[in-house]
Amino acid sequence: MKHLSINVSGLVQGVGFRYSVVQLADKMGVVGTVRNEMDGSVSIEAEADERILYIFLSKVKASPSPFGRVDKLDYTFSDDVKSYRKFTVIG
């Protein structure tokens, strides 16, 4: 189990991006959180097996929302697992 922190910029607010991320995470067995940031970006905290997280990351980069567009994606992996129970939208 690994922890993945992602910050996504582009057309990611007001287009169903967060809810599309939740659907993707639920389908893949990923747990964590997603929230809008004041600067217009979206932050994602995700936990799963490392192999699954790399696939999740590639799907987020391609924008799980058909109306969204990812222009920039920053991420870091860590062993600092927070043991989320499910994937939820914050705020």
PDB file of N, CA and C in Angstrom:
ATOM      1  N   MET A   1       0.850  -1.185   0.000  1.00  0.00           N
ATOM      2  CA  MET A   1       0.000   0.000   0.000  1.00  0.00           C
ATOM      3  C   MET A   1       0.888   1.238   0.000  1.00  0.00           C
ATOM      4  N   LYS A   2       0.579   2.159  -0.924  1.00  0.00           N
ATOM      5  CA  LYS A   2       1.306   3.420  -1.050  1.00  0.00           C
ATOM      6  C   LYS A   2       0.329   4.583  -0.982  1.00  0.00           C
ATOM      7  N   HIS A   3       0.878   5.765  -0.697  1.00  0.00           N
ATOM      8  CA  HIS A   3       0.103   7.005  -0.684  1.00  0.00           C
ATOM      9  C   HIS A   3       0.559   7.851  -1.868  1.00  0.00           C
ATOM     10  N   LEU A   4      -0.400   8.450  -2.574  1.00  0.00           N
ATOM     11  CA  LEU A   4      -0.120   9.290  -3.726  1.00  0.00           C
ATOM     12  C   LEU A   4      -0.820  10.630  -3.537  1.00  0.00           C
ATOM     13  N   SER A   5      -0.055  11.717  -3.589  1.00  0.00           N
ATOM     14  CA  SER A   5      -0.613  13.071  -3.547  1.00  0.00           C
ATOM     15  C   SER A   5      -0.518  13.660  -4.947  1.00  0.00           C
ATOM     16  N   ILE A   6      -1.645  14.187  -5.449  1.00  0.00           N
ATOM     17  CA  ILE A   6      -1.701  14.739  -6.800  1.00  0.00           C
ATOM     18  C   ILE A   6      -2.295  16.140  -6.732  1.00  0.00           C
ATOM     19  N   ASN A   7      -1.735  17.062  -7.510  1.00  0.00           N
ATOM     20  CA  ASN A   7      -2.351  18.367  -7.704  1.00  0.00           C
ATOM     21  C   ASN A   7      -2.539  18.544  -9.206  1.00  0.00           C
ATOM     22  N   VAL A   8      -3.787  18.801  -9.609  1.00  0.00           N
ATOM     23  CA  VAL A   8      -4.153  18.876 -11.022  1.00  0.00           C
ATOM     24  C   VAL A   8      -4.608  20.292 -11.362  1.00  0.00           C
ATOM     25  N   SER A   9      -4.039  20.863 -12.422  1.00  0.00           N
ATOM     26  CA  SER A   9      -4.435  22.185 -12.904  1.00  0.00           C
ATOM     27  C   SER A   9      -4.952  22.068 -14.329  1.00  0.00           C
ATOM     28  N   GLY A  10      -5.808  23.009 -14.683  1.00  0.00           N
ATOM     29  CA  GLY A  10      -6.408  23.034 -16.010  1.00  0.00           C
ATOM     30  C   GLY A  10      -7.877  23.367 -15.861  1.00  0.00           C
ATOM     31  N   LEU A  11      -8.706  22.812 -16.710  1.00  0.00           N
ATOM     32  CA  LEU A  11     -10.151  22.976 -16.591  1.00  0.00           C
ATOM     33  C   LEU A  11     -10.666  21.826 -15.722  1.00  0.00           C
ATOM     34  N   VAL A  12     -10.522  21.999 -14.395  1.00  0.00           N
ATOM     35  CA  VAL A  12     -10.819  20.910 -13.464  1.00  0.00           C
ATOM     36  C   VAL A  12     -11.830  21.294 -12.383  1.00  0.00           C
ATOM     37  N   GLN A  13     -12.345  22.509 -12.428  1.00  0.00           N
ATOM     38  CA  GLN A  13     -13.400  22.903 -11.497  1.00  0.00           C
ATOM     39  C   GLN A  13     -14.637  23.299 -12.290  1.00  0.00           C
ATOM     40  N   GLY A  14     -15.800  22.887 -11.783  1.00  0.00           N
ATOM     41  CA  GLY A  14     -17.058  23.215 -12.446  1.00  0.00           C
ATOM     42  C   GLY A  14     -17.394  22.335 -13.631  1.00  0.00           C
ATOM     43  N   VAL A  15     -16.686  21.206 -13.769  1.00  0.00           N
ATOM     44  CA  VAL A  15     -16.915  20.306 -14.908  1.00  0.00           C
ATOM     45  C   VAL A  15     -17.147  18.854 -14.457  1.00  0.00           C
ATOM     46  N   GLY A  16     -17.417  18.659 -13.164  1.00  0.00           N
ATOM     47  CA  GLY A  16     -17.644  17.307 -12.650  1.00  0.00           C
ATOM     48  C   GLY A  16     -16.369  16.508 -12.441  1.00  0.00           C
ATOM     49  N   PHE A  17     -15.240  17.184 -12.412  1.00  0.00           N
ATOM     50  CA  PHE A  17     -13.953  16.491 -12.305  1.00  0.00           C
ATOM     51  C   PHE A  17     -13.843  15.685 -11.010  1.00  0.00           C
ATOM     52  N   ARG A  18     -14.170  16.318  -9.873  1.00  0.00           N
ATOM     53  CA  ARG A  18     -14.042  15.616  -8.589  1.00  0.00           C
ATOM     54  C   ARG A  18     -14.908  14.368  -8.545  1.00  0.00           C
ATOM     55  N   TYR A  19     -16.136  14.461  -9.026  1.00  0.00           N
ATOM     56  CA  TYR A  19     -17.029  13.312  -8.980  1.00  0.00           C
ATOM     57  C   TYR A  19     -16.597  12.226  -9.955  1.00  0.00           C
ATOM     58  N   SER A  20     -16.008  12.618 -11.063  1.00  0.00           N
ATOM     59  CA  SER A  20     -15.451  11.636 -11.991  1.00  0.00           C
ATOM     60  C   SER A  20     -14.254  10.919 -11.370  1.00  0.00           C
ATOM     61  N   VAL A  21     -13.453  11.648 -10.587  1.00  0.00           N
ATOM     62  CA  VAL A  21     -12.321  11.030  -9.880  1.00  0.00           C
ATOM     63  C   VAL A  21     -12.831  10.017  -8.861  1.00  0.00           C
ATOM     64  N   VAL A  22     -13.908  10.353  -8.145  1.00  0.00           N
ATOM     65  CA  VAL A  22     -14.490   9.417  -7.169  1.00  0.00           C
ATOM     66  C   VAL A  22     -14.961   8.148  -7.870  1.00  0.00           C
ATOM     67  N   GLN A  23     -15.655   8.293  -8.990  1.00  0.00           N
ATOM     68  CA  GLN A  23     -16.131   7.119  -9.727  1.00  0.00           C
ATOM     69  C   GLN A  23     -14.963   6.253 -10.198  1.00  0.00           C
ATOM     70  N   LEU A  24     -13.918   6.892 -10.701  1.00  0.00           N
ATOM     71  CA  LEU A  24     -12.728   6.173 -11.136  1.00  0.00           C
ATOM     72  C   LEU A  24     -12.087   5.432  -9.967  1.00  0.00           C
ATOM     73  N   ALA A  25     -11.922   6.124  -8.854  1.00  0.00           N
ATOM     74  CA  ALA A  25     -11.307   5.520  -7.667  1.00  0.00           C
ATOM     75  C   ALA A  25     -12.119   4.330  -7.171  1.00  0.00           C
ATOM     76  N   ASP A  26     -13.434   4.499  -7.105  1.00  0.00           N
ATOM     77  CA  ASP A  26     -14.288   3.406  -6.646  1.00  0.00           C
ATOM     78  C   ASP A  26     -14.169   2.192  -7.557  1.00  0.00           C
ATOM     79  N   LYS A  27     -14.113   2.431  -8.858  1.00  0.00           N
ATOM     80  CA  LYS A  27     -13.995   1.346  -9.834  1.00  0.00           C
ATOM     81  C   LYS A  27     -12.659   0.604  -9.683  1.00  0.00           C
ATOM     82  N   MET A  28     -11.610   1.351  -9.294  1.00  0.00           N
ATOM     83  CA  MET A  28     -10.267   0.771  -9.212  1.00  0.00           C
ATOM     84  C   MET A  28      -9.892   0.290  -7.810  1.00  0.00           C
ATOM     85  N   GLY A  29     -10.747   0.537  -6.817  1.00  0.00           N
ATOM     86  CA  GLY A  29     -10.429   0.128  -5.449  1.00  0.00           C
ATOM     87  C   GLY A  29      -9.445   1.052  -4.762  1.00  0.00           C
ATOM     88  N   VAL A  30      -9.414   2.314  -5.180  1.00  0.00           N
ATOM     89  CA  VAL A  30      -8.537   3.321  -4.588  1.00  0.00           C
ATOM     90  C   VAL A  30      -9.320   4.071  -3.515  1.00  0.00           C
ATOM     91  N   VAL A  31      -8.678   4.352  -2.376  1.00  0.00           N
ATOM     92  CA  VAL A  31      -9.313   5.120  -1.307  1.00  0.00           C
ATOM     93  C   VAL A  31      -8.581   6.443  -1.141  1.00  0.00           C
ATOM     94  N   GLY A  32      -9.293   7.458  -0.586  1.00  0.00           N
ATOM     95  CA  GLY A  32      -8.653   8.744  -0.370  1.00  0.00           C
ATOM     96  C   GLY A  32      -9.642   9.882  -0.421  1.00  0.00           C
ATOM     97  N   THR A  33      -9.162  11.055  -0.884  1.00  0.00           N
ATOM     98  CA  THR A  33      -9.986  12.257  -0.936  1.00  0.00           C
ATOM     99  C   THR A  33      -9.667  13.071  -2.181  1.00  0.00           C
ATOM    100  N   VAL A  34     -10.610  13.936  -2.542  1.00  0.00           N
ATOM    101  CA  VAL A  34     -10.410  14.896  -3.631  1.00  0.00           C
ATOM    102  C   VAL A  34     -11.077  16.198  -3.212  1.00  0.00           C
ATOM    103  N   ARG A  35     -10.411  17.337  -3.503  1.00  0.00           N
ATOM    104  CA  ARG A  35     -10.992  18.629  -3.124  1.00  0.00           C
ATOM    105  C   ARG A  35     -10.532  19.727  -4.073  1.00  0.00           C
ATOM    106  N   ASN A  36     -11.389  20.740  -4.225  1.00  0.00           N
ATOM    107  CA  ASN A  36     -11.033  21.938  -4.985  1.00  0.00           C
ATOM    108  C   ASN A  36     -10.124  22.815  -4.141  1.00  0.00           C
ATOM    109  N   GLU A  37      -9.179  23.461  -4.797  1.00  0.00           N
ATOM    110  CA  GLU A  37      -8.290  24.408  -4.128  1.00  0.00           C
ATOM    111  C   GLU A  37      -8.665  25.827  -4.551  1.00  0.00           C
ATOM    112  N   MET A  38      -8.292  26.796  -3.737  1.00  0.00           N
ATOM    113  CA  MET A  38      -8.621  28.195  -4.004  1.00  0.00           C
ATOM    114  C   MET A  38      -7.983  28.712  -5.298  1.00  0.00           C
ATOM    115  N   ASP A  39      -6.872  28.125  -5.724  1.00  0.00           N
ATOM    116  CA  ASP A  39      -6.188  28.586  -6.934  1.00  0.00           C
ATOM    117  C   ASP A  39      -6.775  28.000  -8.223  1.00  0.00           C
ATOM    118  N   GLY A  40      -7.875  27.238  -8.103  1.00  0.00           N
ATOM    119  CA  GLY A  40      -8.519  26.642  -9.275  1.00  0.00           C
ATOM    120  C   GLY A  40      -8.063  25.237  -9.586  1.00  0.00           C
ATOM    121  N   SER A  41      -7.095  24.735  -8.836  1.00  0.00           N
ATOM    122  CA  SER A  41      -6.619  23.366  -9.042  1.00  0.00           C
ATOM    123  C   SER A  41      -7.452  22.388  -8.205  1.00  0.00           C
ATOM    124  N   VAL A  42      -7.173  21.114  -8.365  1.00  0.00           N
ATOM    125  CA  VAL A  42      -7.807  20.053  -7.581  1.00  0.00           C
ATOM    126  C   VAL A  42      -6.707  19.216  -6.951  1.00  0.00           C
ATOM    127  N   SER A  43      -6.864  18.926  -5.651  1.00  0.00           N
ATOM    128  CA  SER A  43      -5.910  18.077  -4.935  1.00  0.00           C
ATOM    129  C   SER A  43      -6.540  16.716  -4.663  1.00  0.00           C
ATOM    130  N   ILE A  44      -5.735  15.686  -4.882  1.00  0.00           N
ATOM    131  CA  ILE A  44      -6.175  14.305  -4.680  1.00  0.00           C
ATOM    132  C   ILE A  44      -5.189  13.609  -3.759  1.00  0.00           C
ATOM    133  N   GLU A  45      -5.710  12.926  -2.760  1.00  0.00           N
ATOM    134  CA  GLU A  45      -4.922  12.042  -1.901  1.00  0.00           C
ATOM    135  C   GLU A  45      -5.451  10.640  -2.164  1.00  0.00           C
ATOM    136  N   ALA A  46      -4.603   9.726  -2.576  1.00  0.00           N
ATOM    137  CA  ALA A  46      -5.046   8.395  -2.976  1.00  0.00           C
ATOM    138  C   ALA A  46      -4.154   7.316  -2.361  1.00  0.00           C
ATOM    139  N   GLU A  47      -4.765   6.192  -2.027  1.00  0.00           N
ATOM    140  CA  GLU A  47      -4.022   5.051  -1.486  1.00  0.00           C
ATOM    141  C   GLU A  47      -4.496   3.747  -2.118  1.00  0.00           C
ATOM    142  N   ALA A  48      -3.532   2.927  -2.477  1.00  0.00           N
ATOM    143  CA  ALA A  48      -3.769   1.602  -3.055  1.00  0.00           C
ATOM    144  C   ALA A  48      -2.409   0.960  -3.276  1.00  0.00           C
ATOM    145  N   ASP A  49      -2.401  -0.203  -3.890  1.00  0.00           N
ATOM    146  CA  ASP A  49      -1.134  -0.803  -4.285  1.00  0.00           C
ATOM    147  C   ASP A  49      -0.469   0.101  -5.319  1.00  0.00           C
ATOM    148  N   GLU A  50       0.836   0.141  -5.307  1.00  0.00           N
ATOM    149  CA  GLU A  50       1.579   1.053  -6.179  1.00  0.00           C
ATOM    150  C   GLU A  50       1.225   0.874  -7.651  1.00  0.00           C
ATOM    151  N   ARG A  51       1.084  -0.345  -8.094  1.00  0.00           N
ATOM    152  CA  ARG A  51       0.745  -0.628  -9.497  1.00  0.00           C
ATOM    153  C   ARG A  51      -0.599   0.005  -9.857  1.00  0.00           C
ATOM    154  N   ILE A  52      -1.576  -0.123  -8.977  1.00  0.00           N
ATOM    155  CA  ILE A  52      -2.903   0.464  -9.193  1.00  0.00           C
ATOM    156  C   ILE A  52      -2.808   1.985  -9.219  1.00  0.00           C
ATOM    157  N   LEU A  53      -1.993   2.559  -8.333  1.00  0.00           N
ATOM    158  CA  LEU A  53      -1.861   4.018  -8.279  1.00  0.00           C
ATOM    159  C   LEU A  53      -1.259   4.590  -9.562  1.00  0.00           C
ATOM    160  N   TYR A  54      -0.335   3.877 -10.179  1.00  0.00           N
ATOM    161  CA  TYR A  54       0.233   4.354 -11.444  1.00  0.00           C
ATOM    162  C   TYR A  54      -0.833   4.369 -12.548  1.00  0.00           C
ATOM    163  N   ILE A  55      -1.695   3.377 -12.563  1.00  0.00           N
ATOM    164  CA  ILE A  55      -2.792   3.346 -13.541  1.00  0.00           C
ATOM    165  C   ILE A  55      -3.781   4.473 -13.241  1.00  0.00           C
ATOM    166  N   PHE A  56      -4.125   4.653 -11.953  1.00  0.00           N
ATOM    167  CA  PHE A  56      -5.020   5.724 -11.520  1.00  0.00           C
ATOM    168  C   PHE A  56      -4.451   7.077 -11.949  1.00  0.00           C
ATOM    169  N   LEU A  57      -3.167   7.283 -11.725  1.00  0.00           N
ATOM    170  CA  LEU A  57      -2.501   8.525 -12.094  1.00  0.00           C
ATOM    171  C   LEU A  57      -2.614   8.794 -13.598  1.00  0.00           C
ATOM    172  N   SER A  58      -2.411   7.786 -14.405  1.00  0.00           N
ATOM    173  CA  SER A  58      -2.495   7.973 -15.857  1.00  0.00           C
ATOM    174  C   SER A  58      -3.914   8.322 -16.283  1.00  0.00           C
ATOM    175  N   LYS A  59      -4.906   7.756 -15.628  1.00  0.00           N
ATOM    176  CA  LYS A  59      -6.298   8.058 -15.954  1.00  0.00           C
ATOM    177  C   LYS A  59      -6.688   9.455 -15.480  1.00  0.00           C
ATOM    178  N   VAL A  60      -6.167   9.896 -14.344  1.00  0.00           N
ATOM    179  CA  VAL A  60      -6.417  11.265 -13.885  1.00  0.00           C
ATOM    180  C   VAL A  60      -5.772  12.251 -14.856  1.00  0.00           C
ATOM    181  N   LYS A  61      -4.566  11.943 -15.301  1.00  0.00           N
ATOM    182  CA  LYS A  61      -3.856  12.816 -16.244  1.00  0.00           C
ATOM    183  C   LYS A  61      -4.633  12.987 -17.543  1.00  0.00           C
ATOM    184  N   ALA A  62      -5.349  11.953 -17.952  1.00  0.00           N
ATOM    185  CA  ALA A  62      -6.156  11.999 -19.176  1.00  0.00           C
ATOM    186  C   ALA A  62      -7.528  12.642 -18.932  1.00  0.00           C
ATOM    187  N   SER A  63      -7.823  13.066 -17.723  1.00  0.00           N
ATOM    188  CA  SER A  63      -9.080  13.672 -17.268  1.00  0.00           C
ATOM    189  C   SER A  63     -10.244  12.682 -17.296  1.00  0.00           C
ATOM    190  N   PRO A  64     -10.633  12.203 -16.118  1.00  0.00           N
ATOM    191  CA  PRO A  64     -11.779  11.290 -16.054  1.00  0.00           C
ATOM    192  C   PRO A  64     -13.099  11.982 -16.398  1.00  0.00           C
ATOM    193  N   SER A  65     -13.136  13.317 -16.361  1.00  0.00           N
ATOM    194  CA  SER A  65     -14.328  14.072 -16.724  1.00  0.00           C
ATOM    195  C   SER A  65     -14.283  14.398 -18.217  1.00  0.00           C
ATOM    196  N   PRO A  66     -15.342  14.057 -18.957  1.00  0.00           N
ATOM    197  CA  PRO A  66     -15.327  14.347 -20.398  1.00  0.00           C
ATOM    198  C   PRO A  66     -15.290  15.850 -20.705  1.00  0.00           C
ATOM    199  N   PHE A  67     -15.660  16.683 -19.734  1.00  0.00           N
ATOM    200  CA  PHE A  67     -15.677  18.127 -19.941  1.00  0.00           C
ATOM    201  C   PHE A  67     -14.436  18.810 -19.364  1.00  0.00           C
ATOM    202  N   GLY A  68     -13.584  18.035 -18.694  1.00  0.00           N
ATOM    203  CA  GLY A  68     -12.384  18.588 -18.073  1.00  0.00           C
ATOM    204  C   GLY A  68     -11.182  18.539 -18.989  1.00  0.00           C
ATOM    205  N   ARG A  69     -10.136  19.242 -18.561  1.00  0.00           N
ATOM    206  CA  ARG A  69      -8.877  19.231 -19.306  1.00  0.00           C
ATOM    207  C   ARG A  69      -7.741  19.405 -18.296  1.00  0.00           C
ATOM    208  N   VAL A  70      -6.796  18.492 -18.324  1.00  0.00           N
ATOM    209  CA  VAL A  70      -5.644  18.572 -17.433  1.00  0.00           C
ATOM    210  C   VAL A  70      -4.489  19.215 -18.184  1.00  0.00           C
ATOM    211  N   ASP A  71      -4.027  20.368 -17.671  1.00  0.00           N
ATOM    212  CA  ASP A  71      -2.895  21.063 -18.275  1.00  0.00           C
ATOM    213  C   ASP A  71      -1.593  20.759 -17.539  1.00  0.00           C
ATOM    214  N   LYS A  72      -1.692  20.542 -16.238  1.00  0.00           N
ATOM    215  CA  LYS A  72      -0.509  20.291 -15.423  1.00  0.00           C
ATOM    216  C   LYS A  72      -0.874  19.329 -14.303  1.00  0.00           C
ATOM    217  N   LEU A  73       0.017  18.400 -14.015  1.00  0.00           N
ATOM    218  CA  LEU A  73      -0.212  17.416 -12.966  1.00  0.00           C
ATOM    219  C   LEU A  73       1.090  17.219 -12.202  1.00  0.00           C
ATOM    220  N   ASP A  74       1.068  17.517 -10.913  1.00  0.00           N
ATOM    221  CA  ASP A  74       2.214  17.276 -10.036  1.00  0.00           C
ATOM    222  C   ASP A  74       1.836  16.171  -9.069  1.00  0.00           C
ATOM    223  N   TYR A  75       2.771  15.281  -8.774  1.00  0.00           N
ATOM    224  CA  TYR A  75       2.451  14.186  -7.854  1.00  0.00           C
ATOM    225  C   TYR A  75       3.683  13.724  -7.088  1.00  0.00           C
ATOM    226  N   THR A  76       3.417  13.130  -5.942  1.00  0.00           N
ATOM    227  CA  THR A  76       4.474  12.498  -5.142  1.00  0.00           C
ATOM    228  C   THR A  76       3.923  11.218  -4.522  1.00  0.00           C
ATOM    229  N   PHE A  77       4.750  10.196  -4.495  1.00  0.00           N
ATOM    230  CA  PHE A  77       4.433   8.949  -3.813  1.00  0.00           C
ATOM    231  C   PHE A  77       5.106   8.962  -2.451  1.00  0.00           C
ATOM    232  N   SER A  78       4.476   8.310  -1.471  1.00  0.00           N
ATOM    233  CA  SER A  78       5.108   8.169  -0.160  1.00  0.00           C
ATOM    234  C   SER A  78       4.619   6.884   0.508  1.00  0.00           C
ATOM    235  N   ASP A  79       5.278   6.543   1.599  1.00  0.00           N
ATOM    236  CA  ASP A  79       4.873   5.398   2.414  1.00  0.00           C
ATOM    237  C   ASP A  79       3.992   5.844   3.579  1.00  0.00           C
ATOM    238  N   ASP A  80       3.639   7.137   3.629  1.00  0.00           N
ATOM    239  CA  ASP A  80       2.850   7.711   4.717  1.00  0.00           C
ATOM    240  C   ASP A  80       1.355   7.426   4.489  1.00  0.00           C
ATOM    241  N   VAL A  81       0.967   6.169   4.690  1.00  0.00           N
ATOM    242  CA  VAL A  81      -0.404   5.725   4.447  1.00  0.00           C
ATOM    243  C   VAL A  81      -1.311   6.198   5.580  1.00  0.00           C
ATOM    244  N   LYS A  82      -2.432   6.811   5.209  1.00  0.00           N
ATOM    245  CA  LYS A  82      -3.374   7.344   6.184  1.00  0.00           C
ATOM    246  C   LYS A  82      -4.543   6.400   6.441  1.00  0.00           C
ATOM    247  N   SER A  83      -4.627   5.314   5.730  1.00  0.00           N
ATOM    248  CA  SER A  83      -5.655   4.281   5.914  1.00  0.00           C
ATOM    249  C   SER A  83      -7.078   4.812   5.765  1.00  0.00           C
ATOM    250  N   TYR A  84      -7.339   5.496   4.658  1.00  0.00           N
ATOM    251  CA  TYR A  84      -8.700   5.930   4.353  1.00  0.00           C
ATOM    252  C   TYR A  84      -9.585   4.707   4.207  1.00  0.00           C
ATOM    253  N   ARG A  85     -10.884   4.858   4.475  1.00  0.00           N
ATOM    254  CA  ARG A  85     -11.827   3.754   4.356  1.00  0.00           C
ATOM    255  C   ARG A  85     -12.518   3.726   2.992  1.00  0.00           C
ATOM    256  N   LYS A  86     -12.677   4.916   2.376  1.00  0.00           N
ATOM    257  CA  LYS A  86     -13.324   5.021   1.061  1.00  0.00           C
ATOM    258  C   LYS A  86     -12.766   6.264   0.371  1.00  0.00           C
ATOM    259  N   PHE A  87     -13.292   6.563  -0.809  1.00  0.00           N
ATOM    260  CA  PHE A  87     -12.858   7.757  -1.544  1.00  0.00           C
ATOM    261  C   PHE A  87     -13.967   8.788  -1.450  1.00  0.00           C
ATOM    262  N   THR A  88     -13.648  10.001  -0.957  1.00  0.00           N
ATOM    263  CA  THR A  88     -14.672  11.014  -0.729  1.00  0.00           C
ATOM    264  C   THR A  88     -14.265  12.383  -1.271  1.00  0.00           C
ATOM    265  N   VAL A  89     -15.284  13.178  -1.566  1.00  0.00           N
ATOM    266  CA  VAL A  89     -15.103  14.575  -1.960  1.00  0.00           C
ATOM    267  C   VAL A  89     -15.088  15.410  -0.691  1.00  0.00           C
ATOM    268  N   ILE A  90     -14.110  16.287  -0.561  1.00  0.00           N
ATOM    269  CA  ILE A  90     -14.030  17.216   0.577  1.00  0.00           C
ATOM    270  C   ILE A  90     -14.424  18.594   0.074  1.00  0.00           C
ATOM    271  N   GLY A  91     -15.394  19.209   0.746  1.00  0.00           N
ATOM    272  CA  GLY A  91     -15.802  20.571   0.411  1.00  0.00           C
ATOM    273  C   GLY A  91     -16.691  20.726  -0.751  1.00  0.00           C
TER     274      GLY A  91
END
